[in-house]
Amino acid sequence: MTSKLPSFKRIIQLYDEIISVNHKSEVIRELRDEDDLFLLLVYSDMLGIPNPAFYYTLELYPYILEKFHNWHLRMGMEKSPLSGFRCC
């Protein structure tokens, strides 16, 4: 006996899409702000802000170096504020 009702999985997907339509831009903005704060924390010691976890965040630099250029432009800095990183 087959029914023409949508599967439970499809109903959940549809519900998720309906709920997230209005909030998608807000979620994207919040994720970007969270990412910006994380990058500020990681690069804070190089910007002159003391960072007690500098030793532990140092190993993250190679992974987030690609995001650095977009971050400093979004923060309003035309050129890289770090002398060691020439991204512009």
PDB file of N, CA and C in Angstrom:
ATOM      1  N   MET A   1       0.834  -1.168   0.000  1.00  0.00           N
ATOM      2  CA  MET A   1       0.000   0.000   0.000  1.00  0.00           C
ATOM      3  C   MET A   1       0.885   1.240   0.000  1.00  0.00           C
ATOM      4  N   THR A   2       0.961   1.899  -1.107  1.00  0.00           N
ATOM      5  CA  THR A   2       1.790   3.093  -1.218  1.00  0.00           C
ATOM      6  C   THR A   2       0.899   4.324  -1.147  1.00  0.00           C
ATOM      7  N   SER A   3       1.377   5.297  -0.423  1.00  0.00           N
ATOM      8  CA  SER A   3       0.617   6.549  -0.324  1.00  0.00           C
ATOM      9  C   SER A   3       1.354   7.647  -1.062  1.00  0.00           C
ATOM     10  N   LYS A   4       0.631   8.638  -1.434  1.00  0.00           N
ATOM     11  CA  LYS A   4       1.219   9.744  -2.170  1.00  0.00           C
ATOM     12  C   LYS A   4       1.627  10.883  -1.239  1.00  0.00           C
ATOM     13  N   LEU A   5       1.634  10.630   0.036  1.00  0.00           N
ATOM     14  CA  LEU A   5       2.073  11.632   0.996  1.00  0.00           C
ATOM     15  C   LEU A   5       3.591  11.738   0.942  1.00  0.00           C
ATOM     16  N   PRO A   6       4.123  12.947   1.119  1.00  0.00           N
ATOM     17  CA  PRO A   6       5.588  13.089   1.111  1.00  0.00           C
ATOM     18  C   PRO A   6       6.208  12.346   2.288  1.00  0.00           C
ATOM     19  N   SER A   7       7.413  11.927   2.082  1.00  0.00           N
ATOM     20  CA  SER A   7       8.100  11.197   3.138  1.00  0.00           C
ATOM     21  C   SER A   7       8.403  12.124   4.313  1.00  0.00           C
ATOM     22  N   PHE A   8       8.631  11.531   5.442  1.00  0.00           N
ATOM     23  CA  PHE A   8       8.926  12.288   6.655  1.00  0.00           C
ATOM     24  C   PHE A   8      10.187  13.142   6.470  1.00  0.00           C
ATOM     25  N   LYS A   9      11.167  12.595   5.789  1.00  0.00           N
ATOM     26  CA  LYS A   9      12.411  13.327   5.545  1.00  0.00           C
ATOM     27  C   LYS A   9      12.142  14.585   4.714  1.00  0.00           C
ATOM     28  N   ARG A  10      11.303  14.472   3.707  1.00  0.00           N
ATOM     29  CA  ARG A  10      10.968  15.630   2.862  1.00  0.00           C
ATOM     30  C   ARG A  10      10.190  16.680   3.652  1.00  0.00           C
ATOM     31  N   ILE A  11       9.317  16.242   4.542  1.00  0.00           N
ATOM     32  CA  ILE A  11       8.563  17.178   5.383  1.00  0.00           C
ATOM     33  C   ILE A  11       9.517  17.956   6.277  1.00  0.00           C
ATOM     34  N   ILE A  12      10.489  17.282   6.855  1.00  0.00           N
ATOM     35  CA  ILE A  12      11.481  17.947   7.710  1.00  0.00           C
ATOM     36  C   ILE A  12      12.294  18.952   6.893  1.00  0.00           C
ATOM     37  N   GLN A  13      12.703  18.588   5.680  1.00  0.00           N
ATOM     38  CA  GLN A  13      13.450  19.507   4.814  1.00  0.00           C
ATOM     39  C   GLN A  13      12.615  20.734   4.479  1.00  0.00           C
ATOM     40  N   LEU A  14      11.358  20.530   4.139  1.00  0.00           N
ATOM     41  CA  LEU A  14      10.471  21.638   3.805  1.00  0.00           C
ATOM     42  C   LEU A  14      10.282  22.565   5.004  1.00  0.00           C
ATOM     43  N   TYR A  15      10.091  21.985   6.171  1.00  0.00           N
ATOM     44  CA  TYR A  15       9.949  22.767   7.397  1.00  0.00           C
ATOM     45  C   TYR A  15      11.210  23.584   7.661  1.00  0.00           C
ATOM     46  N   ASP A  16      12.362  22.972   7.501  1.00  0.00           N
ATOM     47  CA  ASP A  16      13.625  23.672   7.712  1.00  0.00           C
ATOM     48  C   ASP A  16      13.794  24.828   6.729  1.00  0.00           C
ATOM     49  N   GLU A  17      13.421  24.626   5.472  1.00  0.00           N
ATOM     50  CA  GLU A  17      13.518  25.689   4.469  1.00  0.00           C
ATOM     51  C   GLU A  17      12.581  26.848   4.799  1.00  0.00           C
ATOM     52  N   ILE A  18      11.367  26.536   5.218  1.00  0.00           N
ATOM     53  CA  ILE A  18      10.397  27.588   5.559  1.00  0.00           C
ATOM     54  C   ILE A  18      10.881  28.405   6.742  1.00  0.00           C
ATOM     55  N   ILE A  19      11.391  27.742   7.749  1.00  0.00           N
ATOM     56  CA  ILE A  19      11.875  28.438   8.942  1.00  0.00           C
ATOM     57  C   ILE A  19      13.103  29.290   8.627  1.00  0.00           C
ATOM     58  N   SER A  20      14.001  28.785   7.797  1.00  0.00           N
ATOM     59  CA  SER A  20      15.274  29.475   7.581  1.00  0.00           C
ATOM     60  C   SER A  20      15.230  30.565   6.525  1.00  0.00           C
ATOM     61  N   VAL A  21      14.166  30.672   5.745  1.00  0.00           N
ATOM     62  CA  VAL A  21      14.103  31.679   4.685  1.00  0.00           C
ATOM     63  C   VAL A  21      14.248  33.083   5.256  1.00  0.00           C
ATOM     64  N   ASN A  22      13.522  33.374   6.304  1.00  0.00           N
ATOM     65  CA  ASN A  22      13.536  34.727   6.869  1.00  0.00           C
ATOM     66  C   ASN A  22      14.808  35.039   7.640  1.00  0.00           C
ATOM     67  N   HIS A  23      15.490  34.041   8.092  1.00  0.00           N
ATOM     68  CA  HIS A  23      16.631  34.256   8.967  1.00  0.00           C
ATOM     69  C   HIS A  23      17.973  33.951   8.313  1.00  0.00           C
ATOM     70  N   LYS A  24      17.976  33.613   7.048  1.00  0.00           N
ATOM     71  CA  LYS A  24      19.215  33.221   6.384  1.00  0.00           C
ATOM     72  C   LYS A  24      20.250  34.343   6.409  1.00  0.00           C
ATOM     73  N   SER A  25      19.846  35.567   6.098  1.00  0.00           N
ATOM     74  CA  SER A  25      20.808  36.671   6.093  1.00  0.00           C
ATOM     75  C   SER A  25      21.306  36.973   7.499  1.00  0.00           C
ATOM     76  N   GLU A  26      20.442  36.838   8.492  1.00  0.00           N
ATOM     77  CA  GLU A  26      20.868  37.059   9.871  1.00  0.00           C
ATOM     78  C   GLU A  26      21.881  36.010  10.311  1.00  0.00           C
ATOM     79  N   VAL A  27      21.647  34.777   9.940  1.00  0.00           N
ATOM     80  CA  VAL A  27      22.554  33.699  10.305  1.00  0.00           C
ATOM     81  C   VAL A  27      23.903  33.901   9.624  1.00  0.00           C
ATOM     82  N   ILE A  28      23.884  34.282   8.350  1.00  0.00           N
ATOM     83  CA  ILE A  28      25.133  34.534   7.624  1.00  0.00           C
ATOM     84  C   ILE A  28      25.901  35.677   8.272  1.00  0.00           C
ATOM     85  N   ARG A  29      25.203  36.746   8.654  1.00  0.00           N
ATOM     86  CA  ARG A  29      25.851  37.894   9.301  1.00  0.00           C
ATOM     87  C   ARG A  29      26.448  37.495  10.653  1.00  0.00           C
ATOM     88  N   GLU A  30      25.717  36.714  11.438  1.00  0.00           N
ATOM     89  CA  GLU A  30      26.222  36.264  12.730  1.00  0.00           C
ATOM     90  C   GLU A  30      27.446  35.365  12.580  1.00  0.00           C
ATOM     91  N   LEU A  31      27.421  34.477  11.601  1.00  0.00           N
ATOM     92  CA  LEU A  31      28.586  33.614  11.363  1.00  0.00           C
ATOM     93  C   LEU A  31      29.792  34.436  10.928  1.00  0.00           C
ATOM     94  N   ARG A  32      29.578  35.457  10.101  1.00  0.00           N
ATOM     95  CA  ARG A  32      30.672  36.319   9.671  1.00  0.00           C
ATOM     96  C   ARG A  32      31.236  37.104  10.854  1.00  0.00           C
ATOM     97  N   ASP A  33      30.363  37.616  11.719  1.00  0.00           N
ATOM     98  CA  ASP A  33      30.824  38.347  12.904  1.00  0.00           C
ATOM     99  C   ASP A  33      31.608  37.433  13.841  1.00  0.00           C
ATOM    100  N   GLU A  34      31.144  36.215  13.992  1.00  0.00           N
ATOM    101  CA  GLU A  34      31.855  35.248  14.841  1.00  0.00           C
ATOM    102  C   GLU A  34      33.227  34.924  14.258  1.00  0.00           C
ATOM    103  N   ASP A  35      33.286  34.779  12.943  1.00  0.00           N
ATOM    104  CA  ASP A  35      34.555  34.516  12.265  1.00  0.00           C
ATOM    105  C   ASP A  35      35.502  35.705  12.411  1.00  0.00           C
ATOM    106  N   ASP A  36      34.966  36.923  12.298  1.00  0.00           N
ATOM    107  CA  ASP A  36      35.790  38.126  12.476  1.00  0.00           C
ATOM    108  C   ASP A  36      36.359  38.206  13.884  1.00  0.00           C
ATOM    109  N   LEU A  37      35.556  37.889  14.870  1.00  0.00           N
ATOM    110  CA  LEU A  37      36.032  37.916  16.249  1.00  0.00           C
ATOM    111  C   LEU A  37      37.121  36.868  16.472  1.00  0.00           C
ATOM    112  N   PHE A  38      36.956  35.698  15.875  1.00  0.00           N
ATOM    113  CA  PHE A  38      37.966  34.653  15.998  1.00  0.00           C
ATOM    114  C   PHE A  38      39.284  35.100  15.366  1.00  0.00           C
ATOM    115  N   LEU A  39      39.210  35.712  14.172  1.00  0.00           N
ATOM    116  CA  LEU A  39      40.430  36.190  13.523  1.00  0.00           C
ATOM    117  C   LEU A  39      41.085  37.301  14.334  1.00  0.00           C
ATOM    118  N   LEU A  40      40.290  38.162  14.938  1.00  0.00           N
ATOM    119  CA  LEU A  40      40.850  39.203  15.794  1.00  0.00           C
ATOM    120  C   LEU A  40      41.570  38.587  16.988  1.00  0.00           C
ATOM    121  N   LEU A  41      40.990  37.557  17.560  1.00  0.00           N
ATOM    122  CA  LEU A  41      41.636  36.880  18.683  1.00  0.00           C
ATOM    123  C   LEU A  41      42.951  36.247  18.255  1.00  0.00           C
ATOM    124  N   VAL A  42      42.947  35.590  17.097  1.00  0.00           N
ATOM    125  CA  VAL A  42      44.150  34.907  16.630  1.00  0.00           C
ATOM    126  C   VAL A  42      45.257  35.906  16.306  1.00  0.00           C
ATOM    127  N   TYR A  43      44.921  37.007  15.643  1.00  0.00           N
ATOM    128  CA  TYR A  43      45.927  37.985  15.222  1.00  0.00           C
ATOM    129  C   TYR A  43      46.124  39.120  16.228  1.00  0.00           C
ATOM    130  N   SER A  44      45.468  39.058  17.372  1.00  0.00           N
ATOM    131  CA  SER A  44      45.521  40.168  18.317  1.00  0.00           C
ATOM    132  C   SER A  44      46.937  40.478  18.803  1.00  0.00           C
ATOM    133  N   ASP A  45      47.750  39.473  19.038  1.00  0.00           N
ATOM    134  CA  ASP A  45      49.103  39.723  19.532  1.00  0.00           C
ATOM    135  C   ASP A  45      49.930  40.477  18.499  1.00  0.00           C
ATOM    136  N   MET A  46      49.719  40.173  17.225  1.00  0.00           N
ATOM    137  CA  MET A  46      50.456  40.881  16.179  1.00  0.00           C
ATOM    138  C   MET A  46      49.938  42.305  15.990  1.00  0.00           C
ATOM    139  N   LEU A  47      48.700  42.556  16.419  1.00  0.00           N
ATOM    140  CA  LEU A  47      48.123  43.899  16.322  1.00  0.00           C
ATOM    141  C   LEU A  47      48.428  44.734  17.562  1.00  0.00           C
ATOM    142  N   GLY A  48      49.097  44.146  18.531  1.00  0.00           N
ATOM    143  CA  GLY A  48      49.480  44.885  19.731  1.00  0.00           C
ATOM    144  C   GLY A  48      48.544  44.678  20.903  1.00  0.00           C
ATOM    145  N   ILE A  49      47.586  43.790  20.776  1.00  0.00           N
ATOM    146  CA  ILE A  49      46.662  43.480  21.861  1.00  0.00           C
ATOM    147  C   ILE A  49      47.154  42.199  22.520  1.00  0.00           C
ATOM    148  N   PRO A  50      47.420  42.225  23.817  1.00  0.00           N
ATOM    149  CA  PRO A  50      47.939  41.024  24.474  1.00  0.00           C
ATOM    150  C   PRO A  50      46.975  39.844  24.345  1.00  0.00           C
ATOM    151  N   ASN A  51      47.519  38.701  24.020  1.00  0.00           N
ATOM    152  CA  ASN A  51      46.736  37.489  23.867  1.00  0.00           C
ATOM    153  C   ASN A  51      47.395  36.398  24.693  1.00  0.00           C
ATOM    154  N   PRO A  52      46.766  35.969  25.778  1.00  0.00           N
ATOM    155  CA  PRO A  52      47.388  34.943  26.615  1.00  0.00           C
ATOM    156  C   PRO A  52      47.475  33.579  25.931  1.00  0.00           C
ATOM    157  N   ALA A  53      46.694  33.357  24.890  1.00  0.00           N
ATOM    158  CA  ALA A  53      46.709  32.074  24.190  1.00  0.00           C
ATOM    159  C   ALA A  53      47.492  32.160  22.883  1.00  0.00           C
ATOM    160  N   PHE A  54      48.404  33.120  22.776  1.00  0.00           N
ATOM    161  CA  PHE A  54      49.143  33.342  21.532  1.00  0.00           C
ATOM    162  C   PHE A  54      49.897  32.101  21.087  1.00  0.00           C
ATOM    163  N   TYR A  55      50.514  31.423  22.012  1.00  0.00           N
ATOM    164  CA  TYR A  55      51.291  30.229  21.674  1.00  0.00           C
ATOM    165  C   TYR A  55      50.419  29.159  21.020  1.00  0.00           C
ATOM    166  N   TYR A  56      49.187  29.034  21.485  1.00  0.00           N
ATOM    167  CA  TYR A  56      48.289  28.000  20.959  1.00  0.00           C
ATOM    168  C   TYR A  56      47.639  28.420  19.637  1.00  0.00           C
ATOM    169  N   THR A  57      47.426  29.708  19.457  1.00  0.00           N
ATOM    170  CA  THR A  57      46.823  30.171  18.207  1.00  0.00           C
ATOM    171  C   THR A  57      47.849  30.310  17.091  1.00  0.00           C
ATOM    172  N   LEU A  58      49.107  30.308  17.433  1.00  0.00           N
ATOM    173  CA  LEU A  58      50.165  30.451  16.436  1.00  0.00           C
ATOM    174  C   LEU A  58      50.117  29.339  15.395  1.00  0.00           C
ATOM    175  N   GLU A  59      49.763  28.149  15.809  1.00  0.00           N
ATOM    176  CA  GLU A  59      49.723  27.043  14.857  1.00  0.00           C
ATOM    177  C   GLU A  59      48.520  27.118  13.909  1.00  0.00           C
ATOM    178  N   LEU A  60      47.591  28.022  14.150  1.00  0.00           N
ATOM    179  CA  LEU A  60      46.437  28.184  13.262  1.00  0.00           C
ATOM    180  C   LEU A  60      46.717  29.109  12.082  1.00  0.00           C
ATOM    181  N   TYR A  61      47.792  29.880  12.135  1.00  0.00           N
ATOM    182  CA  TYR A  61      48.076  30.873  11.092  1.00  0.00           C
ATOM    183  C   TYR A  61      48.066  30.317   9.670  1.00  0.00           C
ATOM    184  N   PRO A  62      48.715  29.200   9.403  1.00  0.00           N
ATOM    185  CA  PRO A  62      48.699  28.712   8.013  1.00  0.00           C
ATOM    186  C   PRO A  62      47.297  28.398   7.495  1.00  0.00           C
ATOM    187  N   TYR A  63      46.402  28.018   8.378  1.00  0.00           N
ATOM    188  CA  TYR A  63      45.058  27.644   7.951  1.00  0.00           C
ATOM    189  C   TYR A  63      44.161  28.851   7.705  1.00  0.00           C
ATOM    190  N   ILE A  64      44.405  29.943   8.413  1.00  0.00           N
ATOM    191  CA  ILE A  64      43.518  31.099   8.278  1.00  0.00           C
ATOM    192  C   ILE A  64      44.155  32.254   7.529  1.00  0.00           C
ATOM    193  N   LEU A  65      45.335  32.063   7.017  1.00  0.00           N
ATOM    194  CA  LEU A  65      46.016  33.130   6.289  1.00  0.00           C
ATOM    195  C   LEU A  65      45.232  33.549   5.048  1.00  0.00           C
ATOM    196  N   GLU A  66      44.551  32.609   4.402  1.00  0.00           N
ATOM    197  CA  GLU A  66      43.781  32.933   3.203  1.00  0.00           C
ATOM    198  C   GLU A  66      42.603  33.846   3.527  1.00  0.00           C
ATOM    199  N   LYS A  67      42.037  33.729   4.719  1.00  0.00           N
ATOM    200  CA  LYS A  67      40.908  34.563   5.129  1.00  0.00           C
ATOM    201  C   LYS A  67      41.354  35.950   5.587  1.00  0.00           C
ATOM    202  N   PHE A  68      42.629  36.116   5.854  1.00  0.00           N
ATOM    203  CA  PHE A  68      43.116  37.349   6.460  1.00  0.00           C
ATOM    204  C   PHE A  68      42.880  38.570   5.572  1.00  0.00           C
ATOM    205  N   HIS A  69      43.107  38.452   4.282  1.00  0.00           N
ATOM    206  CA  HIS A  69      42.949  39.590   3.371  1.00  0.00           C
ATOM    207  C   HIS A  69      41.505  40.107   3.392  1.00  0.00           C
ATOM    208  N   ASN A  70      40.553  39.220   3.258  1.00  0.00           N
ATOM    209  CA  ASN A  70      39.151  39.635   3.300  1.00  0.00           C
ATOM    210  C   ASN A  70      38.786  40.238   4.649  1.00  0.00           C
ATOM    211  N   TRP A  71      39.360  39.688   5.711  1.00  0.00           N
ATOM    212  CA  TRP A  71      39.055  40.181   7.048  1.00  0.00           C
ATOM    213  C   TRP A  71      39.538  41.610   7.237  1.00  0.00           C
ATOM    214  N   HIS A  72      40.790  41.915   6.883  1.00  0.00           N
ATOM    215  CA  HIS A  72      41.295  43.253   7.152  1.00  0.00           C
ATOM    216  C   HIS A  72      40.628  44.283   6.238  1.00  0.00           C
ATOM    217  N   LEU A  73      40.186  43.876   5.054  1.00  0.00           N
ATOM    218  CA  LEU A  73      39.423  44.799   4.214  1.00  0.00           C
ATOM    219  C   LEU A  73      38.049  45.068   4.825  1.00  0.00           C
ATOM    220  N   ARG A  74      37.408  44.049   5.358  1.00  0.00           N
ATOM    221  CA  ARG A  74      36.100  44.218   5.997  1.00  0.00           C
ATOM    222  C   ARG A  74      36.199  45.044   7.271  1.00  0.00           C
ATOM    223  N   MET A  75      37.348  44.998   7.936  1.00  0.00           N
ATOM    224  CA  MET A  75      37.550  45.785   9.150  1.00  0.00           C
ATOM    225  C   MET A  75      37.917  47.241   8.848  1.00  0.00           C
ATOM    226  N   GLY A  76      38.053  47.577   7.572  1.00  0.00           N
ATOM    227  CA  GLY A  76      38.329  48.959   7.194  1.00  0.00           C
ATOM    228  C   GLY A  76      39.804  49.279   7.044  1.00  0.00           C
ATOM    229  N   MET A  77      40.661  48.288   7.021  1.00  0.00           N
ATOM    230  CA  MET A  77      42.096  48.509   6.853  1.00  0.00           C
ATOM    231  C   MET A  77      42.452  48.260   5.386  1.00  0.00           C
ATOM    232  N   GLU A  78      42.915  49.294   4.704  1.00  0.00           N
ATOM    233  CA  GLU A  78      43.220  49.161   3.280  1.00  0.00           C
ATOM    234  C   GLU A  78      44.424  48.255   3.031  1.00  0.00           C
ATOM    235  N   LYS A  79      45.420  48.349   3.888  1.00  0.00           N
ATOM    236  CA  LYS A  79      46.624  47.522   3.769  1.00  0.00           C
ATOM    237  C   LYS A  79      46.709  46.613   4.983  1.00  0.00           C
ATOM    238  N   SER A  80      47.472  45.553   4.845  1.00  0.00           N
ATOM    239  CA  SER A  80      47.646  44.634   5.955  1.00  0.00           C
ATOM    240  C   SER A  80      48.282  45.343   7.149  1.00  0.00           C
ATOM    241  N   PRO A  81      47.689  45.234   8.336  1.00  0.00           N
ATOM    242  CA  PRO A  81      48.277  45.887   9.506  1.00  0.00           C
ATOM    243  C   PRO A  81      49.475  45.147  10.070  1.00  0.00           C
ATOM    244  N   LEU A  82      49.738  43.976   9.568  1.00  0.00           N
ATOM    245  CA  LEU A  82      50.853  43.157  10.062  1.00  0.00           C
ATOM    246  C   LEU A  82      52.028  43.269   9.124  1.00  0.00           C
ATOM    247  N   SER A  83      53.178  43.545   9.667  1.00  0.00           N
ATOM    248  CA  SER A  83      54.366  43.709   8.824  1.00  0.00           C
ATOM    249  C   SER A  83      54.837  42.381   8.240  1.00  0.00           C
ATOM    250  N   GLY A  84      54.566  41.282   8.905  1.00  0.00           N
ATOM    251  CA  GLY A  84      55.026  39.986   8.425  1.00  0.00           C
ATOM    252  C   GLY A  84      54.156  39.372   7.344  1.00  0.00           C
ATOM    253  N   PHE A  85      52.910  39.830   7.226  1.00  0.00           N
ATOM    254  CA  PHE A  85      51.986  39.272   6.243  1.00  0.00           C
ATOM    255  C   PHE A  85      51.716  40.290   5.162  1.00  0.00           C
ATOM    256  N   ARG A  86      52.250  40.082   4.001  1.00  0.00           N
ATOM    257  CA  ARG A  86      52.032  40.967   2.846  1.00  0.00           C
ATOM    258  C   ARG A  86      50.979  40.324   1.954  1.00  0.00           C
ATOM    259  N   CYS A  87      49.744  40.651   2.150  1.00  0.00           N
ATOM    260  CA  CYS A  87      48.699  40.023   1.336  1.00  0.00           C
ATOM    261  C   CYS A  87      48.174  40.975   0.264  1.00  0.00           C
ATOM    262  N   CYS A  88      48.513  42.233   0.342  1.00  0.00           N
ATOM    263  CA  CYS A  88      47.966  43.211  -0.609  1.00  0.00           C
ATOM    264  C   CYS A  88      48.999  43.626  -1.632  1.00  0.00           C
TER     265      CYS A  88
END
